[in-house]
């Protein structure tokens, strides 16, 4: 099989995943607004004795990581760091929803988990169409 097909596969999965996270973060930041997201979970969290500070911090973390992580994934910059932060985001979401409701619908979280996991196991040499690759090979920046 030609190498370019692996490069295109990596690009497709990375951009698709980035778009999903970008728009999820965008909705929280600019459409619904962070205060409304906090208010949505605050009543239920209060019943479970979860401090409001934790709800606020996790909402801000989740929203910012999803928005900027989506952008960085789409352009292909800092992929290992972004995937780590998005993995922590997914773990946080799983813990939050599980603590609020024992049986919660995973139809939105599980596909993201599969996509992030796939990007983690795709070999780095498949990542050809990315800003990290361009900067690494054009300017010899090895840390990318």
C-alpha atoms as a PDB file:
ATOM      1  CA  UNK A   1       0.000   0.000   0.000  1.00  0.00           C
ATOM      2  CA  UNK A   2       1.262   3.472  -0.780  1.00  0.00           C
ATOM      3  CA  UNK A   3       2.505   5.568   2.138  1.00  0.00           C
ATOM      4  CA  UNK A   4       0.408   8.548   1.131  1.00  0.00           C
ATOM      5  CA  UNK A   5      -2.765   6.611   1.992  1.00  0.00           C
ATOM      6  CA  UNK A   6      -1.524   6.254   5.581  1.00  0.00           C
ATOM      7  CA  UNK A   7      -0.757   9.991   5.581  1.00  0.00           C
ATOM      8  CA  UNK A   8      -4.264  10.772   4.349  1.00  0.00           C
ATOM      9  CA  UNK A   9      -5.783   8.377   6.905  1.00  0.00           C
ATOM     10  CA  UNK A  10      -3.945  10.137   9.749  1.00  0.00           C
ATOM     11  CA  UNK A  11      -4.987  13.533   8.382  1.00  0.00           C
ATOM     12  CA  UNK A  12      -8.631  12.465   8.105  1.00  0.00           C
ATOM     13  CA  UNK A  13      -8.823  11.068  11.642  1.00  0.00           C
ATOM     14  CA  UNK A  14      -6.930  14.049  13.108  1.00  0.00           C
ATOM     15  CA  UNK A  15      -9.069  16.697  11.376  1.00  0.00           C
ATOM     16  CA  UNK A  16     -12.331  14.853  12.085  1.00  0.00           C
ATOM     17  CA  UNK A  17     -11.424  14.556  15.767  1.00  0.00           C
ATOM     18  CA  UNK A  18     -10.303  18.185  15.862  1.00  0.00           C
ATOM     19  CA  UNK A  19     -13.568  19.402  14.351  1.00  0.00           C
ATOM     20  CA  UNK A  20     -15.622  17.456  16.906  1.00  0.00           C
ATOM     21  CA  UNK A  21     -13.671  18.861  19.855  1.00  0.00           C
ATOM     22  CA  UNK A  22     -13.451  22.375  18.396  1.00  0.00           C
ATOM     23  CA  UNK A  23     -17.201  22.732  17.996  1.00  0.00           C
ATOM     24  CA  UNK A  24     -17.928  21.140  21.359  1.00  0.00           C
ATOM     25  CA  UNK A  25     -15.637  23.693  23.013  1.00  0.00           C
ATOM     26  CA  UNK A  26     -16.981  26.487  20.800  1.00  0.00           C
ATOM     27  CA  UNK A  27     -20.541  25.780  21.913  1.00  0.00           C
ATOM     28  CA  UNK A  28     -19.555  25.892  25.579  1.00  0.00           C
ATOM     29  CA  UNK A  29     -17.492  29.056  25.206  1.00  0.00           C
ATOM     30  CA  UNK A  30     -19.493  31.159  22.760  1.00  0.00           C
ATOM     31  CA  UNK A  31     -23.011  29.756  22.278  1.00  0.00           C
ATOM     32  CA  UNK A  32     -24.170  28.337  25.607  1.00  0.00           C
ATOM     33  CA  UNK A  33     -21.593  30.356  27.616  1.00  0.00           C
ATOM     34  CA  UNK A  34     -19.571  28.982  30.520  1.00  0.00           C
ATOM     35  CA  UNK A  35     -21.898  30.291  33.245  1.00  0.00           C
ATOM     36  CA  UNK A  36     -24.831  28.418  31.730  1.00  0.00           C
ATOM     37  CA  UNK A  37     -22.775  25.216  31.472  1.00  0.00           C
ATOM     38  CA  UNK A  38     -21.842  25.541  35.156  1.00  0.00           C
ATOM     39  CA  UNK A  39     -25.488  26.205  36.074  1.00  0.00           C
ATOM     40  CA  UNK A  40     -26.568  23.088  34.185  1.00  0.00           C
ATOM     41  CA  UNK A  41     -24.425  20.844  36.402  1.00  0.00           C
ATOM     42  CA  UNK A  42     -24.450  22.886  39.606  1.00  0.00           C
ATOM     43  CA  UNK A  43     -27.770  21.714  41.067  1.00  0.00           C
ATOM     44  CA  UNK A  44     -27.001  18.046  40.537  1.00  0.00           C
ATOM     45  CA  UNK A  45     -23.428  18.486  41.804  1.00  0.00           C
ATOM     46  CA  UNK A  46     -24.683  20.265  44.907  1.00  0.00           C
ATOM     47  CA  UNK A  47     -26.958  17.305  45.707  1.00  0.00           C
ATOM     48  CA  UNK A  48     -23.896  15.030  45.515  1.00  0.00           C
ATOM     49  CA  UNK A  49     -21.830  17.426  47.681  1.00  0.00           C
ATOM     50  CA  UNK A  50     -19.455  18.275  44.849  1.00  0.00           C
ATOM     51  CA  UNK A  51     -17.971  21.734  45.441  1.00  0.00           C
ATOM     52  CA  UNK A  52     -18.998  24.454  42.991  1.00  0.00           C
ATOM     53  CA  UNK A  53     -15.317  25.363  42.580  1.00  0.00           C
ATOM     54  CA  UNK A  54     -14.654  21.912  41.147  1.00  0.00           C
ATOM     55  CA  UNK A  55     -17.584  22.260  38.747  1.00  0.00           C
ATOM     56  CA  UNK A  56     -16.351  25.689  37.604  1.00  0.00           C
ATOM     57  CA  UNK A  57     -12.717  24.577  37.186  1.00  0.00           C
ATOM     58  CA  UNK A  58     -13.635  21.424  35.298  1.00  0.00           C
ATOM     59  CA  UNK A  59     -16.012  23.376  33.039  1.00  0.00           C
ATOM     60  CA  UNK A  60     -13.340  25.927  32.184  1.00  0.00           C
ATOM     61  CA  UNK A  61     -10.680  23.233  31.654  1.00  0.00           C
ATOM     62  CA  UNK A  62     -12.959  21.123  29.503  1.00  0.00           C
ATOM     63  CA  UNK A  63     -14.178  24.011  27.371  1.00  0.00           C
ATOM     64  CA  UNK A  64     -10.755  25.527  26.740  1.00  0.00           C
ATOM     65  CA  UNK A  65      -9.003  22.203  26.095  1.00  0.00           C
ATOM     66  CA  UNK A  66     -11.717  21.077  23.690  1.00  0.00           C
ATOM     67  CA  UNK A  67     -11.724  24.373  21.768  1.00  0.00           C
ATOM     68  CA  UNK A  68      -7.968  24.933  21.500  1.00  0.00           C
ATOM     69  CA  UNK A  69      -7.202  21.207  21.367  1.00  0.00           C
ATOM     70  CA  UNK A  70      -9.497  20.921  18.360  1.00  0.00           C
ATOM     71  CA  UNK A  71      -7.684  23.778  16.624  1.00  0.00           C
ATOM     72  CA  UNK A  72      -4.248  22.330  17.355  1.00  0.00           C
ATOM     73  CA  UNK A  73      -5.320  18.873  16.170  1.00  0.00           C
ATOM     74  CA  UNK A  74      -6.668  20.242  12.896  1.00  0.00           C
ATOM     75  CA  UNK A  75      -3.447  22.115  12.098  1.00  0.00           C
ATOM     76  CA  UNK A  76      -1.307  19.285  13.461  1.00  0.00           C
ATOM     77  CA  UNK A  77       0.632  21.113  16.141  1.00  0.00           C
ATOM     78  CA  UNK A  78       1.718  19.709  19.536  1.00  0.00           C
ATOM     79  CA  UNK A  79      -0.263  16.520  18.886  1.00  0.00           C
ATOM     80  CA  UNK A  80       1.146  14.438  21.802  1.00  0.00           C
ATOM     81  CA  UNK A  81       0.439  17.205  24.325  1.00  0.00           C
ATOM     82  CA  UNK A  82      -3.014  17.905  22.892  1.00  0.00           C
ATOM     83  CA  UNK A  83      -3.963  14.223  22.921  1.00  0.00           C
ATOM     84  CA  UNK A  84      -2.845  13.945  26.538  1.00  0.00           C
ATOM     85  CA  UNK A  85      -4.928  16.970  27.547  1.00  0.00           C
ATOM     86  CA  UNK A  86      -7.951  15.682  25.618  1.00  0.00           C
ATOM     87  CA  UNK A  87      -7.532  12.262  27.266  1.00  0.00           C
ATOM     88  CA  UNK A  88      -7.619  13.924  30.678  1.00  0.00           C
ATOM     89  CA  UNK A  89     -10.700  15.820  29.529  1.00  0.00           C
ATOM     90  CA  UNK A  90     -12.429  12.569  28.564  1.00  0.00           C
ATOM     91  CA  UNK A  91     -11.536  10.999  31.913  1.00  0.00           C
ATOM     92  CA  UNK A  92     -12.897  14.069  33.715  1.00  0.00           C
ATOM     93  CA  UNK A  93     -16.116  13.927  31.725  1.00  0.00           C
ATOM     94  CA  UNK A  94     -16.520  10.218  32.456  1.00  0.00           C
ATOM     95  CA  UNK A  95     -15.974  10.781  36.189  1.00  0.00           C
ATOM     96  CA  UNK A  96     -18.294  13.791  36.266  1.00  0.00           C
ATOM     97  CA  UNK A  97     -21.150  12.106  34.454  1.00  0.00           C
ATOM     98  CA  UNK A  98     -20.707   8.854  36.376  1.00  0.00           C
ATOM     99  CA  UNK A  99     -20.814  10.677  39.696  1.00  0.00           C
ATOM    100  CA  UNK A 100     -23.943  12.579  38.680  1.00  0.00           C
ATOM    101  CA  UNK A 101     -25.781   9.651  37.108  1.00  0.00           C
ATOM    102  CA  UNK A 102     -24.737   6.017  37.467  1.00  0.00           C
ATOM    103  CA  UNK A 103     -26.092   4.955  34.074  1.00  0.00           C
ATOM    104  CA  UNK A 104     -25.375   7.745  31.584  1.00  0.00           C
ATOM    105  CA  UNK A 105     -25.492   7.728  27.833  1.00  0.00           C
ATOM    106  CA  UNK A 106     -22.004   7.340  26.369  1.00  0.00           C
ATOM    107  CA  UNK A 107     -23.011   7.934  22.755  1.00  0.00           C
ATOM    108  CA  UNK A 108     -21.158  11.265  22.678  1.00  0.00           C
ATOM    109  CA  UNK A 109     -18.112  10.340  24.758  1.00  0.00           C
ATOM    110  CA  UNK A 110     -17.251   6.895  23.425  1.00  0.00           C
ATOM    111  CA  UNK A 111     -16.631   7.950  19.789  1.00  0.00           C
ATOM    112  CA  UNK A 112     -14.281  10.689  21.038  1.00  0.00           C
ATOM    113  CA  UNK A 113     -12.451   8.124  23.151  1.00  0.00           C
ATOM    114  CA  UNK A 114     -12.021   5.850  20.122  1.00  0.00           C
ATOM    115  CA  UNK A 115     -10.772   8.715  17.927  1.00  0.00           C
ATOM    116  CA  UNK A 116      -8.299  10.021  20.514  1.00  0.00           C
ATOM    117  CA  UNK A 117      -7.058   6.475  21.166  1.00  0.00           C
ATOM    118  CA  UNK A 118      -6.611   5.874  17.426  1.00  0.00           C
ATOM    119  CA  UNK A 119      -4.576   9.067  17.089  1.00  0.00           C
ATOM    120  CA  UNK A 120      -2.395   7.965  19.992  1.00  0.00           C
ATOM    121  CA  UNK A 121      -1.490   4.661  18.365  1.00  0.00           C
ATOM    122  CA  UNK A 122      -1.030   5.906  14.804  1.00  0.00           C
ATOM    123  CA  UNK A 123       2.724   5.860  14.102  1.00  0.00           C
ATOM    124  CA  UNK A 124       4.320   9.330  14.066  1.00  0.00           C
ATOM    125  CA  UNK A 125       5.746   8.848  10.566  1.00  0.00           C
ATOM    126  CA  UNK A 126       2.188   8.781   9.185  1.00  0.00           C
ATOM    127  CA  UNK A 127       1.768  12.414  10.256  1.00  0.00           C
ATOM    128  CA  UNK A 128       2.915  14.091   7.057  1.00  0.00           C
ATOM    129  CA  UNK A 129       0.278  16.782   6.526  1.00  0.00           C
ATOM    130  CA  UNK A 130       0.765  18.794   9.703  1.00  0.00           C
ATOM    131  CA  UNK A 131       2.307  22.010  10.897  1.00  0.00           C
ATOM    132  CA  UNK A 132       4.557  20.056  13.268  1.00  0.00           C
ATOM    133  CA  UNK A 133       5.940  18.041  10.366  1.00  0.00           C
ATOM    134  CA  UNK A 134       6.541  21.171   8.312  1.00  0.00           C
ATOM    135  CA  UNK A 135       8.332  22.977  11.143  1.00  0.00           C
ATOM    136  CA  UNK A 136      10.324  19.892  12.077  1.00  0.00           C
ATOM    137  CA  UNK A 137      11.666  19.198   8.588  1.00  0.00           C
ATOM    138  CA  UNK A 138      11.861  22.718   7.165  1.00  0.00           C
ATOM    139  CA  UNK A 139      13.426  24.420  10.171  1.00  0.00           C
ATOM    140  CA  UNK A 140      14.871  21.375  11.976  1.00  0.00           C
ATOM    141  CA  UNK A 141      12.853  21.966  15.153  1.00  0.00           C
ATOM    142  CA  UNK A 142      13.169  18.542  16.784  1.00  0.00           C
ATOM    143  CA  UNK A 143      10.839  19.229  19.738  1.00  0.00           C
ATOM    144  CA  UNK A 144       7.791  19.252  17.467  1.00  0.00           C
END
